[in-house]
Amino acid sequence: MSAEHAHLPPGVEVITTLPEAAARIPAGAEARTIRVTLSPGDPGAPPHRHPGPLFGYVTQGEILFELEGQPPRVLKAGDALFEPGGDVIHYQGANNLPDAQSQLVVTMFAPPGTPILTVVSAEELAERRHLRVTQR
């Protein structure tokens, strides 16, 4: 435990800290806490982007998570995730388990009134395919 977290009461644990995340929060943003529950084998939303950064935590199961410029990875219950939002495409957020539910909770920082996600067109996906890292 670091010295800065030594004063925490029993049962309180800092999982992840991302100091650089604050610079990505849009001016005037609101915080939105979102729970995503995926049934067994659910592929999740199609490729999309978010209006602002999000920081989250897998609370149950396993999520196959893929962002533009990063290889796909499996996040398990207890793992934290960060997504910068903006122009970055979120390719996958699928339930990696065929026989159990998976769930994550995220807090997104976005301008008021913006959609939680915007689906990316097939044309844009084709134009940006060179930015996708497909090897696992």
N, C-alpha and C. Protein backbone atom coordinates (compact mmCIF):
# COMPACT_ATOMS: atom_id res chain seq x y z
N MET A 1 0.86 -1.18 0.00
CA MET A 1 0.00 0.00 0.00
C MET A 1 0.90 1.24 0.00
N SER A 2 0.58 2.20 -0.82
CA SER A 2 1.37 3.43 -0.86
C SER A 2 1.08 4.28 0.37
N ALA A 3 2.01 5.18 0.67
CA ALA A 3 1.86 6.06 1.84
C ALA A 3 0.60 6.92 1.73
N GLU A 4 0.27 7.36 0.52
CA GLU A 4 -0.91 8.22 0.38
C GLU A 4 -2.21 7.49 0.66
N HIS A 5 -2.20 6.16 0.59
CA HIS A 5 -3.42 5.39 0.85
C HIS A 5 -3.38 4.66 2.20
N ALA A 6 -2.31 4.87 2.98
CA ALA A 6 -2.16 4.19 4.26
C ALA A 6 -3.23 4.59 5.27
N HIS A 7 -3.84 5.76 5.11
CA HIS A 7 -4.84 6.26 6.06
C HIS A 7 -6.25 5.70 5.81
N LEU A 8 -6.43 4.89 4.80
CA LEU A 8 -7.77 4.38 4.47
C LEU A 8 -8.26 3.41 5.54
N PRO A 9 -9.54 3.45 5.83
CA PRO A 9 -10.08 2.52 6.84
C PRO A 9 -10.09 1.09 6.31
N PRO A 10 -10.19 0.11 7.20
CA PRO A 10 -10.25 -1.29 6.77
C PRO A 10 -11.40 -1.50 5.77
N GLY A 11 -11.13 -2.29 4.76
CA GLY A 11 -12.15 -2.60 3.76
C GLY A 11 -12.19 -1.63 2.60
N VAL A 12 -11.42 -0.54 2.65
CA VAL A 12 -11.38 0.44 1.56
C VAL A 12 -10.07 0.24 0.81
N GLU A 13 -10.16 0.03 -0.49
CA GLU A 13 -8.98 -0.26 -1.30
C GLU A 13 -9.01 0.56 -2.58
N VAL A 14 -7.92 1.22 -2.91
CA VAL A 14 -7.80 1.92 -4.19
C VAL A 14 -7.36 0.88 -5.21
N ILE A 15 -8.17 0.65 -6.24
CA ILE A 15 -7.87 -0.36 -7.25
C ILE A 15 -6.94 0.19 -8.32
N THR A 16 -7.27 1.34 -8.88
CA THR A 16 -6.48 1.93 -9.96
C THR A 16 -6.56 3.45 -9.87
N THR A 17 -5.48 4.10 -10.20
CA THR A 17 -5.44 5.56 -10.27
C THR A 17 -4.91 5.94 -11.65
N LEU A 18 -5.58 6.88 -12.31
CA LEU A 18 -5.15 7.37 -13.62
C LEU A 18 -5.05 8.89 -13.59
N PRO A 19 -3.96 9.44 -13.12
CA PRO A 19 -3.83 10.90 -13.02
C PRO A 19 -4.00 11.61 -14.36
N GLU A 20 -3.59 10.98 -15.46
CA GLU A 20 -3.68 11.62 -16.78
C GLU A 20 -5.12 11.71 -17.31
N ALA A 21 -6.05 11.03 -16.70
CA ALA A 21 -7.43 11.02 -17.18
C ALA A 21 -8.10 12.39 -17.06
N ALA A 22 -7.75 13.17 -16.06
CA ALA A 22 -8.40 14.46 -15.84
C ALA A 22 -8.25 15.40 -17.04
N ALA A 23 -7.15 15.32 -17.74
CA ALA A 23 -6.92 16.20 -18.89
C ALA A 23 -7.87 15.90 -20.05
N ARG A 24 -8.47 14.73 -20.05
CA ARG A 24 -9.38 14.33 -21.13
C ARG A 24 -10.84 14.68 -20.87
N ILE A 25 -11.17 15.12 -19.68
CA ILE A 25 -12.56 15.42 -19.35
C ILE A 25 -12.95 16.75 -20.00
N PRO A 26 -14.02 16.73 -20.83
CA PRO A 26 -14.45 17.97 -21.49
C PRO A 26 -14.92 19.02 -20.48
N ALA A 27 -14.66 20.29 -20.77
CA ALA A 27 -15.13 21.38 -19.92
C ALA A 27 -16.65 21.31 -19.80
N GLY A 28 -17.16 21.50 -18.62
CA GLY A 28 -18.60 21.50 -18.40
C GLY A 28 -19.22 20.10 -18.41
N ALA A 29 -18.41 19.05 -18.39
CA ALA A 29 -18.94 17.69 -18.45
C ALA A 29 -19.73 17.33 -17.21
N GLU A 30 -20.67 16.41 -17.40
CA GLU A 30 -21.37 15.81 -16.28
C GLU A 30 -20.83 14.40 -16.10
N ALA A 31 -20.92 13.86 -14.91
CA ALA A 31 -20.53 12.48 -14.64
C ALA A 31 -21.77 11.60 -14.75
N ARG A 32 -21.63 10.49 -15.45
CA ARG A 32 -22.73 9.53 -15.60
C ARG A 32 -22.22 8.16 -15.16
N THR A 33 -22.89 7.54 -14.24
CA THR A 33 -22.53 6.18 -13.83
C THR A 33 -23.46 5.23 -14.55
N ILE A 34 -22.86 4.27 -15.25
CA ILE A 34 -23.61 3.37 -16.13
C ILE A 34 -23.27 1.93 -15.79
N ARG A 35 -24.29 1.10 -15.64
CA ARG A 35 -24.08 -0.34 -15.44
C ARG A 35 -24.42 -1.05 -16.74
N VAL A 36 -23.51 -1.88 -17.21
CA VAL A 36 -23.73 -2.65 -18.43
C VAL A 36 -23.79 -4.12 -18.03
N THR A 37 -24.92 -4.77 -18.29
CA THR A 37 -25.11 -6.18 -17.98
C THR A 37 -25.27 -6.93 -19.29
N LEU A 38 -24.42 -7.93 -19.49
CA LEU A 38 -24.41 -8.70 -20.74
C LEU A 38 -24.79 -10.15 -20.46
N SER A 39 -25.80 -10.64 -21.16
CA SER A 39 -26.20 -12.03 -21.01
C SER A 39 -25.11 -12.95 -21.58
N PRO A 40 -25.15 -14.24 -21.28
CA PRO A 40 -24.13 -15.15 -21.78
C PRO A 40 -23.91 -15.01 -23.29
N GLY A 41 -22.65 -14.85 -23.68
CA GLY A 41 -22.28 -14.75 -25.10
C GLY A 41 -22.69 -13.47 -25.80
N ASP A 42 -23.26 -12.51 -25.10
CA ASP A 42 -23.73 -11.25 -25.73
C ASP A 42 -22.55 -10.52 -26.38
N PRO A 43 -22.67 -10.17 -27.68
CA PRO A 43 -21.57 -9.48 -28.36
C PRO A 43 -21.44 -8.01 -27.96
N GLY A 44 -22.39 -7.48 -27.22
CA GLY A 44 -22.35 -6.08 -26.83
C GLY A 44 -22.75 -5.17 -27.99
N ALA A 45 -22.52 -3.89 -27.82
CA ALA A 45 -22.89 -2.90 -28.84
C ALA A 45 -21.96 -3.03 -30.05
N PRO A 46 -22.46 -2.64 -31.22
CA PRO A 46 -21.57 -2.63 -32.40
C PRO A 46 -20.49 -1.56 -32.22
N PRO A 47 -19.47 -1.54 -33.09
CA PRO A 47 -18.41 -0.53 -32.95
C PRO A 47 -19.01 0.88 -32.80
N HIS A 48 -18.46 1.61 -31.82
CA HIS A 48 -19.03 2.92 -31.48
C HIS A 48 -17.95 3.78 -30.83
N ARG A 49 -18.33 5.01 -30.50
CA ARG A 49 -17.46 5.89 -29.72
C ARG A 49 -18.32 6.57 -28.66
N HIS A 50 -17.63 7.09 -27.66
CA HIS A 50 -18.29 7.78 -26.55
C HIS A 50 -17.92 9.26 -26.58
N PRO A 51 -18.79 10.15 -26.09
CA PRO A 51 -18.54 11.58 -26.16
C PRO A 51 -17.48 12.09 -25.18
N GLY A 52 -17.06 11.25 -24.27
CA GLY A 52 -16.05 11.64 -23.30
C GLY A 52 -15.41 10.42 -22.69
N PRO A 53 -14.41 10.60 -21.84
CA PRO A 53 -13.72 9.46 -21.26
C PRO A 53 -14.59 8.72 -20.26
N LEU A 54 -14.25 7.46 -20.08
CA LEU A 54 -14.93 6.67 -19.07
C LEU A 54 -13.92 5.82 -18.33
N PHE A 55 -14.23 5.58 -17.09
CA PHE A 55 -13.39 4.79 -16.21
C PHE A 55 -14.31 3.79 -15.56
N GLY A 56 -13.94 2.51 -15.56
CA GLY A 56 -14.86 1.52 -15.04
C GLY A 56 -14.19 0.33 -14.40
N TYR A 57 -15.03 -0.61 -14.06
CA TYR A 57 -14.63 -1.75 -13.26
C TYR A 57 -15.54 -2.92 -13.62
N VAL A 58 -14.95 -4.08 -13.89
CA VAL A 58 -15.74 -5.29 -14.17
C VAL A 58 -16.16 -5.86 -12.83
N THR A 59 -17.47 -5.97 -12.64
CA THR A 59 -18.00 -6.44 -11.37
C THR A 59 -18.36 -7.93 -11.38
N GLN A 60 -18.51 -8.48 -12.60
CA GLN A 60 -18.93 -9.88 -12.70
C GLN A 60 -18.50 -10.43 -14.04
N GLY A 61 -18.00 -11.66 -14.06
CA GLY A 61 -17.71 -12.35 -15.32
C GLY A 61 -16.45 -11.88 -16.02
N GLU A 62 -16.52 -11.91 -17.38
CA GLU A 62 -15.39 -11.54 -18.23
C GLU A 62 -15.88 -10.73 -19.42
N ILE A 63 -15.17 -9.67 -19.75
CA ILE A 63 -15.52 -8.81 -20.88
C ILE A 63 -14.38 -8.86 -21.90
N LEU A 64 -14.71 -9.15 -23.16
CA LEU A 64 -13.75 -9.04 -24.25
C LEU A 64 -13.79 -7.58 -24.68
N PHE A 65 -12.69 -6.86 -24.43
CA PHE A 65 -12.64 -5.41 -24.58
C PHE A 65 -11.63 -5.04 -25.65
N GLU A 66 -12.05 -4.21 -26.60
CA GLU A 66 -11.14 -3.79 -27.67
C GLU A 66 -11.37 -2.34 -28.04
N LEU A 67 -10.30 -1.56 -27.96
CA LEU A 67 -10.29 -0.16 -28.38
C LEU A 67 -9.38 -0.01 -29.59
N GLU A 68 -9.69 0.96 -30.41
CA GLU A 68 -8.86 1.28 -31.56
C GLU A 68 -7.42 1.53 -31.09
N GLY A 69 -6.47 0.91 -31.80
CA GLY A 69 -5.06 1.09 -31.48
C GLY A 69 -4.54 0.15 -30.41
N GLN A 70 -5.41 -0.70 -29.85
CA GLN A 70 -4.99 -1.65 -28.82
C GLN A 70 -5.47 -3.05 -29.21
N PRO A 71 -4.70 -4.08 -28.85
CA PRO A 71 -5.19 -5.43 -29.13
C PRO A 71 -6.36 -5.77 -28.21
N PRO A 72 -7.24 -6.67 -28.66
CA PRO A 72 -8.34 -7.11 -27.79
C PRO A 72 -7.75 -7.76 -26.53
N ARG A 73 -8.45 -7.58 -25.41
CA ARG A 73 -8.02 -8.22 -24.17
C ARG A 73 -9.24 -8.62 -23.35
N VAL A 74 -9.05 -9.61 -22.51
CA VAL A 74 -10.13 -10.08 -21.65
C VAL A 74 -9.96 -9.45 -20.28
N LEU A 75 -11.00 -8.76 -19.84
CA LEU A 75 -11.03 -8.15 -18.51
C LEU A 75 -11.92 -9.02 -17.63
N LYS A 76 -11.40 -9.38 -16.47
CA LYS A 76 -12.14 -10.24 -15.55
C LYS A 76 -12.65 -9.44 -14.36
N ALA A 77 -13.59 -10.01 -13.64
CA ALA A 77 -14.13 -9.35 -12.46
C ALA A 77 -12.97 -8.87 -11.59
N GLY A 78 -13.02 -7.59 -11.24
CA GLY A 78 -11.96 -6.98 -10.44
C GLY A 78 -11.01 -6.13 -11.26
N ASP A 79 -11.06 -6.25 -12.60
CA ASP A 79 -10.18 -5.46 -13.46
C ASP A 79 -10.81 -4.10 -13.75
N ALA A 80 -9.97 -3.07 -13.81
CA ALA A 80 -10.41 -1.72 -14.14
C ALA A 80 -10.13 -1.45 -15.61
N LEU A 81 -10.86 -0.48 -16.18
CA LEU A 81 -10.64 -0.10 -17.58
C LEU A 81 -10.77 1.40 -17.73
N PHE A 82 -10.08 1.91 -18.74
CA PHE A 82 -10.17 3.32 -19.09
C PHE A 82 -10.34 3.42 -20.58
N GLU A 83 -11.22 4.30 -21.00
CA GLU A 83 -11.45 4.56 -22.41
C GLU A 83 -11.42 6.08 -22.59
N PRO A 84 -10.60 6.58 -23.53
CA PRO A 84 -10.46 8.03 -23.65
C PRO A 84 -11.67 8.74 -24.24
N GLY A 85 -12.55 8.03 -24.92
CA GLY A 85 -13.70 8.67 -25.55
C GLY A 85 -13.27 9.52 -26.74
N GLY A 86 -14.15 10.39 -27.18
CA GLY A 86 -13.84 11.25 -28.32
C GLY A 86 -13.77 10.47 -29.61
N ASP A 87 -12.67 10.58 -30.32
CA ASP A 87 -12.54 10.00 -31.65
C ASP A 87 -12.19 8.50 -31.64
N VAL A 88 -11.79 7.95 -30.52
CA VAL A 88 -11.36 6.56 -30.44
C VAL A 88 -12.55 5.62 -30.58
N ILE A 89 -12.41 4.62 -31.47
CA ILE A 89 -13.49 3.65 -31.67
C ILE A 89 -13.39 2.52 -30.64
N HIS A 90 -14.51 2.21 -30.04
CA HIS A 90 -14.64 1.08 -29.12
C HIS A 90 -15.20 -0.07 -29.97
N TYR A 91 -14.34 -1.02 -30.33
CA TYR A 91 -14.75 -2.11 -31.22
C TYR A 91 -15.56 -3.19 -30.52
N GLN A 92 -15.11 -3.61 -29.33
CA GLN A 92 -15.79 -4.70 -28.65
C GLN A 92 -15.92 -4.43 -27.17
N GLY A 93 -17.04 -4.86 -26.64
CA GLY A 93 -17.30 -4.88 -25.21
C GLY A 93 -18.24 -6.05 -24.99
N ALA A 94 -17.78 -7.24 -25.34
CA ALA A 94 -18.62 -8.44 -25.38
C ALA A 94 -18.48 -9.26 -24.10
N ASN A 95 -19.52 -10.04 -23.80
CA ASN A 95 -19.42 -11.02 -22.73
C ASN A 95 -18.55 -12.16 -23.26
N ASN A 96 -17.44 -12.40 -22.62
CA ASN A 96 -16.52 -13.46 -23.05
C ASN A 96 -16.95 -14.84 -22.56
N LEU A 97 -18.00 -14.90 -21.77
CA LEU A 97 -18.46 -16.18 -21.22
C LEU A 97 -19.73 -16.65 -21.94
N PRO A 98 -19.73 -17.89 -22.45
CA PRO A 98 -20.90 -18.41 -23.16
C PRO A 98 -22.02 -18.88 -22.24
N ASP A 99 -21.72 -19.04 -20.94
CA ASP A 99 -22.68 -19.65 -20.04
C ASP A 99 -22.95 -18.86 -18.75
N ALA A 100 -22.50 -17.61 -18.70
CA ALA A 100 -22.72 -16.81 -17.50
C ALA A 100 -22.83 -15.33 -17.86
N GLN A 101 -23.55 -14.60 -17.06
CA GLN A 101 -23.70 -13.15 -17.24
C GLN A 101 -22.40 -12.44 -16.87
N SER A 102 -22.12 -11.33 -17.52
CA SER A 102 -20.98 -10.47 -17.16
C SER A 102 -21.51 -9.05 -16.99
N GLN A 103 -20.80 -8.27 -16.17
CA GLN A 103 -21.28 -6.92 -15.87
C GLN A 103 -20.10 -6.00 -15.57
N LEU A 104 -20.25 -4.73 -15.98
CA LEU A 104 -19.28 -3.71 -15.62
C LEU A 104 -20.03 -2.44 -15.26
N VAL A 105 -19.37 -1.63 -14.44
CA VAL A 105 -19.90 -0.33 -14.05
C VAL A 105 -18.87 0.69 -14.47
N VAL A 106 -19.31 1.72 -15.20
CA VAL A 106 -18.40 2.78 -15.65
C VAL A 106 -18.95 4.14 -15.25
N THR A 107 -18.03 5.08 -15.08
CA THR A 107 -18.41 6.47 -14.92
C THR A 107 -17.86 7.20 -16.13
N MET A 108 -18.75 7.84 -16.87
CA MET A 108 -18.40 8.58 -18.08
C MET A 108 -18.51 10.07 -17.78
N PHE A 109 -17.58 10.82 -18.35
CA PHE A 109 -17.59 12.27 -18.22
C PHE A 109 -17.86 12.84 -19.61
N ALA A 110 -19.04 13.44 -19.79
CA ALA A 110 -19.46 13.87 -21.12
C ALA A 110 -20.27 15.16 -21.04
N PRO A 111 -20.27 15.91 -22.14
CA PRO A 111 -21.10 17.11 -22.17
C PRO A 111 -22.58 16.75 -21.95
N PRO A 112 -23.31 17.53 -21.18
CA PRO A 112 -24.73 17.27 -20.95
C PRO A 112 -25.49 17.15 -22.28
N GLY A 113 -26.41 16.20 -22.31
CA GLY A 113 -27.27 16.04 -23.48
C GLY A 113 -26.68 15.21 -24.60
N THR A 114 -25.41 14.81 -24.49
CA THR A 114 -24.82 13.98 -25.54
C THR A 114 -25.23 12.53 -25.36
N PRO A 115 -25.27 11.75 -26.45
CA PRO A 115 -25.63 10.33 -26.32
C PRO A 115 -24.51 9.57 -25.60
N ILE A 116 -24.87 8.47 -24.97
CA ILE A 116 -23.87 7.64 -24.29
C ILE A 116 -22.92 7.02 -25.31
N LEU A 117 -23.45 6.65 -26.46
CA LEU A 117 -22.60 6.12 -27.52
C LEU A 117 -23.16 6.47 -28.88
N THR A 118 -22.28 6.51 -29.87
CA THR A 118 -22.67 6.75 -31.26
C THR A 118 -22.06 5.63 -32.10
N VAL A 119 -22.90 4.88 -32.81
CA VAL A 119 -22.43 3.78 -33.64
C VAL A 119 -21.64 4.33 -34.82
N VAL A 120 -20.53 3.66 -35.14
CA VAL A 120 -19.65 4.06 -36.23
C VAL A 120 -20.13 3.38 -37.52
N SER A 121 -20.16 4.13 -38.62
CA SER A 121 -20.63 3.59 -39.89
C SER A 121 -19.64 2.58 -40.48
N ALA A 122 -20.13 1.71 -41.33
CA ALA A 122 -19.28 0.74 -42.03
C ALA A 122 -18.23 1.45 -42.86
N GLU A 123 -18.59 2.57 -43.45
CA GLU A 123 -17.64 3.33 -44.26
C GLU A 123 -16.48 3.85 -43.40
N GLU A 124 -16.80 4.40 -42.25
CA GLU A 124 -15.74 4.91 -41.38
C GLU A 124 -14.86 3.77 -40.87
N LEU A 125 -15.47 2.64 -40.53
CA LEU A 125 -14.68 1.49 -40.08
C LEU A 125 -13.69 1.07 -41.16
N ALA A 126 -14.14 1.07 -42.41
CA ALA A 126 -13.26 0.70 -43.53
C ALA A 126 -12.12 1.72 -43.67
N GLU A 127 -12.42 3.00 -43.54
CA GLU A 127 -11.40 4.05 -43.66
C GLU A 127 -10.35 3.96 -42.54
N ARG A 128 -10.76 3.48 -41.38
CA ARG A 128 -9.86 3.46 -40.22
C ARG A 128 -9.33 2.06 -39.90
N ARG A 129 -9.55 1.10 -40.78
CA ARG A 129 -9.15 -0.28 -40.47
C ARG A 129 -7.65 -0.40 -40.17
N HIS A 130 -6.84 0.49 -40.72
CA HIS A 130 -5.39 0.45 -40.47
C HIS A 130 -5.04 0.78 -39.01
N LEU A 131 -5.98 1.33 -38.26
CA LEU A 131 -5.74 1.69 -36.86
C LEU A 131 -6.12 0.58 -35.90
N ARG A 132 -6.74 -0.48 -36.43
CA ARG A 132 -7.19 -1.58 -35.58
C ARG A 132 -6.07 -2.61 -35.39
N VAL A 133 -5.86 -3.00 -34.14
CA VAL A 133 -4.86 -4.01 -33.81
C VAL A 133 -5.63 -5.30 -33.54
N THR A 134 -5.54 -6.26 -34.45
CA THR A 134 -6.39 -7.45 -34.33
C THR A 134 -5.74 -8.65 -33.66
N GLN A 135 -4.42 -8.71 -33.56
CA GLN A 135 -3.81 -9.88 -32.92
C GLN A 135 -4.03 -9.85 -31.43
N ARG A 136 -4.20 -11.02 -30.87
CA ARG A 136 -4.45 -11.18 -29.43
C ARG A 136 -3.25 -11.76 -28.75
